[in-house]
PDB file of N, CA and C in Angstrom:
ATOM      1  N   MET A   1     -16.453  14.141   2.742  1.00  0.00           N
ATOM      2  CA  MET A   1     -15.065  13.762   2.752  1.00  0.00           C
ATOM      3  C   MET A   1     -14.779  13.020   1.454  1.00  0.00           C
ATOM      4  N   GLU A   2     -13.620  13.299   0.884  1.00  0.00           N
ATOM      5  CA  GLU A   2     -13.191  12.637  -0.343  1.00  0.00           C
ATOM      6  C   GLU A   2     -11.765  12.147  -0.168  1.00  0.00           C
ATOM      7  N   VAL A   3     -11.489  10.926  -0.637  1.00  0.00           N
ATOM      8  CA  VAL A   3     -10.151  10.340  -0.550  1.00  0.00           C
ATOM      9  C   VAL A   3      -9.707   9.978  -1.951  1.00  0.00           C
ATOM     10  N   ARG A   4      -8.447  10.271  -2.260  1.00  0.00           N
ATOM     11  CA  ARG A   4      -7.910   9.898  -3.567  1.00  0.00           C
ATOM     12  C   ARG A   4      -6.470   9.423  -3.409  1.00  0.00           C
ATOM     13  N   GLY A   5      -5.968   8.715  -4.405  1.00  0.00           N
ATOM     14  CA  GLY A   5      -4.602   8.222  -4.373  1.00  0.00           C
ATOM     15  C   GLY A   5      -4.556   6.724  -4.180  1.00  0.00           C
ATOM     16  N   GLY A   6      -3.414   6.213  -3.732  1.00  0.00           N
ATOM     17  CA  GLY A   6      -3.241   4.787  -3.541  1.00  0.00           C
ATOM     18  C   GLY A   6      -2.222   4.499  -2.458  1.00  0.00           C
ATOM     19  N   VAL A   7      -2.171   3.268  -2.015  1.00  0.00           N
ATOM     20  CA  VAL A   7      -1.230   2.853  -0.981  1.00  0.00           C
ATOM     21  C   VAL A   7      -0.499   1.593  -1.429  1.00  0.00           C
ATOM     22  N   LEU A   8       0.656   1.353  -0.850  1.00  0.00           N
ATOM     23  CA  LEU A   8       1.449   0.156  -1.092  1.00  0.00           C
ATOM     24  C   LEU A   8       1.455  -0.680   0.170  1.00  0.00           C
ATOM     25  N   VAL A   9       1.544  -1.992  -0.002  1.00  0.00           N
ATOM     26  CA  VAL A   9       1.629  -2.884   1.150  1.00  0.00           C
ATOM     27  C   VAL A   9       2.637  -3.979   0.828  1.00  0.00           C
ATOM     28  N   PRO A  10       3.572  -4.267   1.735  1.00  0.00           N
ATOM     29  CA  PRO A  10       4.504  -5.368   1.493  1.00  0.00           C
ATOM     30  C   PRO A  10       3.765  -6.706   1.489  1.00  0.00           C
ATOM     31  N   VAL A  11       4.153  -7.590   0.567  1.00  0.00           N
ATOM     32  CA  VAL A  11       3.575  -8.926   0.494  1.00  0.00           C
ATOM     33  C   VAL A  11       4.698  -9.957   0.499  1.00  0.00           C
ATOM     34  N   LYS A  12       4.377 -11.165   0.941  1.00  0.00           N
ATOM     35  CA  LYS A  12       5.350 -12.249   0.924  1.00  0.00           C
ATOM     36  C   LYS A  12       5.487 -12.751  -0.501  1.00  0.00           C
ATOM     37  N   SER A  13       6.726 -13.047  -0.896  1.00  0.00           N
ATOM     38  CA  SER A  13       6.957 -13.531  -2.252  1.00  0.00           C
ATOM     39  C   SER A  13       7.796 -14.800  -2.217  1.00  0.00           C
ATOM     40  N   GLY A  14       7.754 -15.528  -3.322  1.00  0.00           N
ATOM     41  CA  GLY A  14       8.579 -16.709  -3.458  1.00  0.00           C
ATOM     42  C   GLY A  14       8.006 -17.983  -2.876  1.00  0.00           C
ATOM     43  N   SER A  15       6.745 -17.972  -2.425  1.00  0.00           N
ATOM     44  CA  SER A  15       6.131 -19.195  -1.916  1.00  0.00           C
ATOM     45  C   SER A  15       4.629 -19.158  -2.196  1.00  0.00           C
ATOM     46  N   MET A  16       4.068 -20.334  -2.396  1.00  0.00           N
ATOM     47  CA  MET A  16       2.640 -20.457  -2.681  1.00  0.00           C
ATOM     48  C   MET A  16       1.850 -20.292  -1.386  1.00  0.00           C
ATOM     49  N   LEU A  17       0.938 -19.322  -1.361  1.00  0.00           N
ATOM     50  CA  LEU A  17       0.126 -19.058  -0.175  1.00  0.00           C
ATOM     51  C   LEU A  17      -1.338 -18.929  -0.556  1.00  0.00           C
ATOM     52  N   ALA A  18      -2.207 -19.527   0.227  1.00  0.00           N
ATOM     53  CA  ALA A  18      -3.645 -19.350   0.035  1.00  0.00           C
ATOM     54  C   ALA A  18      -4.162 -18.192   0.874  1.00  0.00           C
ATOM     55  N   SER A  19      -3.374 -17.783   1.868  1.00  0.00           N
ATOM     56  CA  SER A  19      -3.794 -16.721   2.779  1.00  0.00           C
ATOM     57  C   SER A  19      -2.559 -15.996   3.305  1.00  0.00           C
ATOM     58  N   GLN A  20      -2.675 -14.694   3.478  1.00  0.00           N
ATOM     59  CA  GLN A  20      -1.600 -13.945   4.118  1.00  0.00           C
ATOM     60  C   GLN A  20      -2.149 -12.687   4.771  1.00  0.00           C
ATOM     61  N   THR A  21      -1.447 -12.236   5.802  1.00  0.00           N
ATOM     62  CA  THR A  21      -1.832 -11.033   6.520  1.00  0.00           C
ATOM     63  C   THR A  21      -1.133  -9.835   5.898  1.00  0.00           C
ATOM     64  N   LEU A  22      -1.907  -8.803   5.568  1.00  0.00           N
ATOM     65  CA  LEU A  22      -1.380  -7.571   4.990  1.00  0.00           C
ATOM     66  C   LEU A  22      -1.450  -6.474   6.043  1.00  0.00           C
ATOM     67  N   LYS A  23      -0.341  -5.779   6.249  1.00  0.00           N
ATOM     68  CA  LYS A  23      -0.302  -4.712   7.248  1.00  0.00           C
ATOM     69  C   LYS A  23       0.039  -3.387   6.573  1.00  0.00           C
ATOM     70  N   PHE A  24      -0.943  -2.503   6.525  1.00  0.00           N
ATOM     71  CA  PHE A  24      -0.741  -1.153   6.028  1.00  0.00           C
ATOM     72  C   PHE A  24      -0.296  -0.320   7.226  1.00  0.00           C
ATOM     73  N   ALA A  25       0.807   0.405   7.087  1.00  0.00           N
ATOM     74  CA  ALA A  25       1.369   1.114   8.240  1.00  0.00           C
ATOM     75  C   ALA A  25       1.712   2.548   7.890  1.00  0.00           C
ATOM     76  N   THR A  26       1.826   3.359   8.927  1.00  0.00           N
ATOM     77  CA  THR A  26       2.279   4.738   8.761  1.00  0.00           C
ATOM     78  C   THR A  26       3.740   4.833   9.180  1.00  0.00           C
ATOM     79  N   ALA A  27       4.440   5.760   8.577  1.00  0.00           N
ATOM     80  CA  ALA A  27       5.852   5.963   8.892  1.00  0.00           C
ATOM     81  C   ALA A  27       5.968   7.007   9.995  1.00  0.00           C
ATOM     82  N   GLY A  28       6.245   6.559  11.190  1.00  0.00           N
ATOM     83  CA  GLY A  28       6.436   7.481  12.305  1.00  0.00           C
ATOM     84  C   GLY A  28       5.179   8.184  12.775  1.00  0.00           C
ATOM     85  N   GLY A  29       4.012   7.711  12.366  1.00  0.00           N
ATOM     86  CA  GLY A  29       2.757   8.293  12.828  1.00  0.00           C
ATOM     87  C   GLY A  29       2.512   9.708  12.352  1.00  0.00           C
ATOM     88  N   ARG A  30       3.175  10.125  11.274  1.00  0.00           N
ATOM     89  CA  ARG A  30       3.052  11.502  10.790  1.00  0.00           C
ATOM     90  C   ARG A  30       2.066  11.635   9.640  1.00  0.00           C
ATOM     91  N   GLY A  31       1.234  10.625   9.428  1.00  0.00           N
ATOM     92  CA  GLY A  31       0.300  10.690   8.311  1.00  0.00           C
ATOM     93  C   GLY A  31       0.951  10.368   6.984  1.00  0.00           C
ATOM     94  N   ILE A  32       2.117   9.743   7.015  1.00  0.00           N
ATOM     95  CA  ILE A  32       2.814   9.346   5.795  1.00  0.00           C
ATOM     96  C   ILE A  32       2.807   7.828   5.726  1.00  0.00           C
ATOM     97  N   GLN A  33       2.374   7.300   4.606  1.00  0.00           N
ATOM     98  CA  GLN A  33       2.286   5.868   4.417  1.00  0.00           C
ATOM     99  C   GLN A  33       3.676   5.258   4.299  1.00  0.00           C
ATOM    100  N   GLY A  34       3.854   4.067   4.835  1.00  0.00           N
ATOM    101  CA  GLY A  34       5.119   3.357   4.692  1.00  0.00           C
ATOM    102  C   GLY A  34       4.840   1.967   4.154  1.00  0.00           C
ATOM    103  N   PRO A  35       5.370   1.511   3.079  1.00  0.00           N
ATOM    104  CA  PRO A  35       6.233   2.240   2.150  1.00  0.00           C
ATOM    105  C   PRO A  35       5.427   3.230   1.306  1.00  0.00           C
ATOM    106  N   SER A  36       6.112   4.235   0.761  1.00  0.00           N
ATOM    107  CA  SER A  36       5.422   5.248  -0.028  1.00  0.00           C
ATOM    108  C   SER A  36       6.032   5.441  -1.410  1.00  0.00           C
ATOM    109  N   GLU A  37       7.053   4.664  -1.738  1.00  0.00           N
ATOM    110  CA  GLU A  37       7.642   4.787  -3.070  1.00  0.00           C
ATOM    111  C   GLU A  37       8.055   3.412  -3.585  1.00  0.00           C
ATOM    112  N   TYR A  38       8.154   3.315  -4.900  1.00  0.00           N
ATOM    113  CA  TYR A  38       8.527   2.056  -5.534  1.00  0.00           C
ATOM    114  C   TYR A  38       9.257   2.367  -6.839  1.00  0.00           C
ATOM    115  N   GLU A  39      10.029   1.401  -7.312  1.00  0.00           N
ATOM    116  CA  GLU A  39      10.753   1.559  -8.568  1.00  0.00           C
ATOM    117  C   GLU A  39       9.901   1.001  -9.698  1.00  0.00           C
ATOM    118  N   THR A  40       9.733   1.772 -10.740  1.00  0.00           N
ATOM    119  CA  THR A  40       8.930   1.338 -11.876  1.00  0.00           C
ATOM    120  C   THR A  40       9.726   0.360 -12.743  1.00  0.00           C
ATOM    121  N   SER A  41       9.069  -0.260 -13.704  1.00  0.00           N
ATOM    122  CA  SER A  41       9.731  -1.240 -14.569  1.00  0.00           C
ATOM    123  C   SER A  41      10.811  -0.620 -15.443  1.00  0.00           C
ATOM    124  N   ILE A  42      10.749   0.698 -15.677  1.00  0.00           N
ATOM    125  CA  ILE A  42      11.783   1.348 -16.480  1.00  0.00           C
ATOM    126  C   ILE A  42      12.825   2.070 -15.629  1.00  0.00           C
ATOM    127  N   GLY A  43      12.705   1.984 -14.299  1.00  0.00           N
ATOM    128  CA  GLY A  43      13.753   2.486 -13.419  1.00  0.00           C
ATOM    129  C   GLY A  43      13.431   3.626 -12.484  1.00  0.00           C
ATOM    130  N   PRO A  44      12.742   4.685 -12.918  1.00  0.00           N
ATOM    131  CA  PRO A  44      12.544   5.814 -12.007  1.00  0.00           C
ATOM    132  C   PRO A  44      11.665   5.463 -10.806  1.00  0.00           C
ATOM    133  N   VAL A  45      11.879   6.179  -9.723  1.00  0.00           N
ATOM    134  CA  VAL A  45      11.086   5.982  -8.513  1.00  0.00           C
ATOM    135  C   VAL A  45       9.746   6.706  -8.675  1.00  0.00           C
ATOM    136  N   ALA A  46       8.664   6.034  -8.280  1.00  0.00           N
ATOM    137  CA  ALA A  46       7.323   6.620  -8.292  1.00  0.00           C
ATOM    138  C   ALA A  46       6.800   6.639  -6.861  1.00  0.00           C
ATOM    139  N   PHE A  47       5.869   7.518  -6.600  1.00  0.00           N
ATOM    140  CA  PHE A  47       5.329   7.679  -5.255  1.00  0.00           C
ATOM    141  C   PHE A  47       3.860   7.287  -5.229  1.00  0.00           C
ATOM    142  N   ALA A  48       3.439   6.679  -4.129  1.00  0.00           N
ATOM    143  CA  ALA A  48       2.039   6.322  -3.916  1.00  0.00           C
ATOM    144  C   ALA A  48       1.630   6.868  -2.554  1.00  0.00           C
ATOM    145  N   TYR A  49       0.574   7.643  -2.519  1.00  0.00           N
ATOM    146  CA  TYR A  49       0.101   8.191  -1.256  1.00  0.00           C
ATOM    147  C   TYR A  49      -1.376   8.531  -1.351  1.00  0.00           C
ATOM    148  N   LEU A  50      -1.988   8.641  -0.198  1.00  0.00           N
ATOM    149  CA  LEU A  50      -3.389   9.030  -0.101  1.00  0.00           C
ATOM    150  C   LEU A  50      -3.492  10.514   0.187  1.00  0.00           C
ATOM    151  N   GLU A  51      -4.569  11.100  -0.294  1.00  0.00           N
ATOM    152  CA  GLU A  51      -4.926  12.469   0.052  1.00  0.00           C
ATOM    153  C   GLU A  51      -6.387  12.469   0.469  1.00  0.00           C
ATOM    154  N   MET A  52      -6.712  13.310   1.434  1.00  0.00           N
ATOM    155  CA  MET A  52      -8.075  13.392   1.946  1.00  0.00           C
ATOM    156  C   MET A  52      -8.505  14.847   1.972  1.00  0.00           C
ATOM    157  N   SER A  53      -9.752  15.081   1.618  1.00  0.00           N
ATOM    158  CA  SER A  53     -10.292  16.431   1.639  1.00  0.00           C
ATOM    159  C   SER A  53     -11.552  16.468   2.484  1.00  0.00           C
ATOM    160  N   THR A  54     -11.594  17.402   3.397  1.00  0.00           N
ATOM    161  CA  THR A  54     -12.827  17.720   4.117  1.00  0.00           C
ATOM    162  C   THR A  54     -13.167  19.144   3.717  1.00  0.00           C
ATOM    163  N   ALA A  55     -13.773  19.267   2.541  1.00  0.00           N
ATOM    164  CA  ALA A  55     -14.034  20.555   1.895  1.00  0.00           C
ATOM    165  C   ALA A  55     -14.407  21.611   2.924  1.00  0.00           C
ATOM    166  N   PRO A  56     -14.077  22.843   2.748  1.00  0.00           N
ATOM    167  CA  PRO A  56     -13.420  23.479   1.610  1.00  0.00           C
ATOM    168  C   PRO A  56     -11.902  23.614   1.772  1.00  0.00           C
ATOM    169  N   SER A  57     -11.295  22.938   2.710  1.00  0.00           N
ATOM    170  CA  SER A  57      -9.874  23.132   2.989  1.00  0.00           C
ATOM    171  C   SER A  57      -8.940  22.572   1.926  1.00  0.00           C
ATOM    172  N   GLY A  58      -9.429  21.782   0.982  1.00  0.00           N
ATOM    173  CA  GLY A  58      -8.582  21.182  -0.036  1.00  0.00           C
ATOM    174  C   GLY A  58      -8.010  19.856   0.435  1.00  0.00           C
ATOM    175  N   PHE A  59      -7.144  19.280  -0.378  1.00  0.00           N
ATOM    176  CA  PHE A  59      -6.588  17.960  -0.078  1.00  0.00           C
ATOM    177  C   PHE A  59      -5.324  18.059   0.764  1.00  0.00           C
ATOM    178  N   GLU A  60      -5.186  17.115   1.705  1.00  0.00           N
ATOM    179  CA  GLU A  60      -3.992  16.983   2.531  1.00  0.00           C
ATOM    180  C   GLU A  60      -3.566  15.529   2.528  1.00  0.00           C
ATOM    181  N   ARG A  61      -2.260  15.273   2.745  1.00  0.00           N
ATOM    182  CA  ARG A  61      -1.759  13.899   2.816  1.00  0.00           C
ATOM    183  C   ARG A  61      -2.435  13.159   3.961  1.00  0.00           C
ATOM    184  N   ALA A  62      -2.712  11.880   3.734  1.00  0.00           N
ATOM    185  CA  ALA A  62      -3.343  11.026   4.737  1.00  0.00           C
ATOM    186  C   ALA A  62      -2.674   9.658   4.686  1.00  0.00           C
ATOM    187  N   ALA A  63      -2.892   8.853   5.697  1.00  0.00           N
ATOM    188  CA  ALA A  63      -2.310   7.509   5.735  1.00  0.00           C
ATOM    189  C   ALA A  63      -3.357   6.511   6.198  1.00  0.00           C
ATOM    190  N   LEU A  64      -3.145   5.261   5.826  1.00  0.00           N
ATOM    191  CA  LEU A  64      -4.039   4.177   6.186  1.00  0.00           C
ATOM    192  C   LEU A  64      -3.304   3.239   7.130  1.00  0.00           C
ATOM    193  N   LYS A  65      -3.889   2.971   8.292  1.00  0.00           N
ATOM    194  CA  LYS A  65      -3.325   2.001   9.234  1.00  0.00           C
ATOM    195  C   LYS A  65      -4.351   0.890   9.376  1.00  0.00           C
ATOM    196  N   LEU A  66      -3.988  -0.306   8.864  1.00  0.00           N
ATOM    197  CA  LEU A  66      -4.952  -1.395   8.783  1.00  0.00           C
ATOM    198  C   LEU A  66      -4.216  -2.723   8.721  1.00  0.00           C
ATOM    199  N   THR A  67      -4.749  -3.732   9.385  1.00  0.00           N
ATOM    200  CA  THR A  67      -4.260  -5.104   9.263  1.00  0.00           C
ATOM    201  C   THR A  67      -5.423  -5.965   8.794  1.00  0.00           C
ATOM    202  N   LEU A  68      -5.205  -6.718   7.714  1.00  0.00           N
ATOM    203  CA  LEU A  68      -6.264  -7.580   7.209  1.00  0.00           C
ATOM    204  C   LEU A  68      -5.673  -8.881   6.701  1.00  0.00           C
ATOM    205  N   THR A  69      -6.513  -9.888   6.574  1.00  0.00           N
ATOM    206  CA  THR A  69      -6.086 -11.178   6.047  1.00  0.00           C
ATOM    207  C   THR A  69      -6.748 -11.393   4.698  1.00  0.00           C
ATOM    208  N   GLN A  70      -5.919 -11.587   3.676  1.00  0.00           N
ATOM    209  CA  GLN A  70      -6.414 -11.883   2.333  1.00  0.00           C
ATOM    210  C   GLN A  70      -6.417 -13.391   2.159  1.00  0.00           C
ATOM    211  N   THR A  71      -7.556 -13.948   1.779  1.00  0.00           N
ATOM    212  CA  THR A  71      -7.683 -15.389   1.571  1.00  0.00           C
ATOM    213  C   THR A  71      -8.147 -15.629   0.144  1.00  0.00           C
ATOM    214  N   ASN A  72      -7.427 -16.502  -0.567  1.00  0.00           N
ATOM    215  CA  ASN A  72      -7.748 -16.838  -1.951  1.00  0.00           C
ATOM    216  C   ASN A  72      -8.313 -18.255  -2.016  1.00  0.00           C
ATOM    217  N   GLU A  73      -9.049 -18.554  -3.069  1.00  0.00           N
ATOM    218  CA  GLU A  73      -9.574 -19.905  -3.259  1.00  0.00           C
ATOM    219  C   GLU A  73      -8.446 -20.902  -3.478  1.00  0.00           C
ATOM    220  N   GLU A  74      -7.394 -20.465  -4.155  1.00  0.00           N
ATOM    221  CA  GLU A  74      -6.242 -21.311  -4.423  1.00  0.00           C
ATOM    222  C   GLU A  74      -4.981 -20.583  -3.985  1.00  0.00           C
ATOM    223  N   ALA A  75      -3.936 -21.336  -3.712  1.00  0.00           N
ATOM    224  CA  ALA A  75      -2.654 -20.727  -3.355  1.00  0.00           C
ATOM    225  C   ALA A  75      -2.085 -19.992  -4.565  1.00  0.00           C
ATOM    226  N   VAL A  76      -1.537 -18.820  -4.325  1.00  0.00           N
ATOM    227  CA  VAL A  76      -0.898 -18.021  -5.379  1.00  0.00           C
ATOM    228  C   VAL A  76       0.511 -17.648  -4.931  1.00  0.00           C
ATOM    229  N   GLU A  77       1.353 -17.326  -5.913  1.00  0.00           N
ATOM    230  CA  GLU A  77       2.727 -16.949  -5.602  1.00  0.00           C
ATOM    231  C   GLU A  77       3.051 -15.627  -6.266  1.00  0.00           C
ATOM    232  N   ILE A  78       3.660 -14.725  -5.513  1.00  0.00           N
ATOM    233  CA  ILE A  78       4.207 -13.499  -6.069  1.00  0.00           C
ATOM    234  C   ILE A  78       5.640 -13.820  -6.469  1.00  0.00           C
ATOM    235  N   ASN A  79       5.941 -13.703  -7.746  1.00  0.00           N
ATOM    236  CA  ASN A  79       7.255 -14.057  -8.256  1.00  0.00           C
ATOM    237  C   ASN A  79       8.239 -12.924  -7.976  1.00  0.00           C
ATOM    238  N   PRO A  80       9.280 -13.160  -7.159  1.00  0.00           N
ATOM    239  CA  PRO A  80      10.235 -12.106  -6.839  1.00  0.00           C
ATOM    240  C   PRO A  80      11.263 -11.858  -7.937  1.00  0.00           C
ATOM    241  N   VAL A  81      11.299 -12.718  -8.959  1.00  0.00           N
ATOM    242  CA  VAL A  81      12.260 -12.586 -10.051  1.00  0.00           C
ATOM    243  C   VAL A  81      11.510 -12.368 -11.341  1.00  0.00           C
ATOM    244  N   ILE A  82      11.833 -11.283 -12.025  1.00  0.00           N
ATOM    245  CA  ILE A  82      11.150 -10.992 -13.296  1.00  0.00           C
ATOM    246  C   ILE A  82      12.121 -11.193 -14.423  1.00  0.00           C
TER     247      ILE A  82
END
């Protein structure tokens, strides 16, 4: 089995946190990651998704459903204003 691509996960912004829970989710249980698109720094929308291959059938869209807690040594802040 081979997996390629990437996923997006919403994070809390605007406050200093040493720990937060990240929830990777599927959109409607159809094997589509939610969220699956984002706006780049120059404006156009880009897509992020996983693909999985169980050779020889080739690659198909896949999704990750996972809840985890990220803990840092120090509190960090995601700046919502650039």
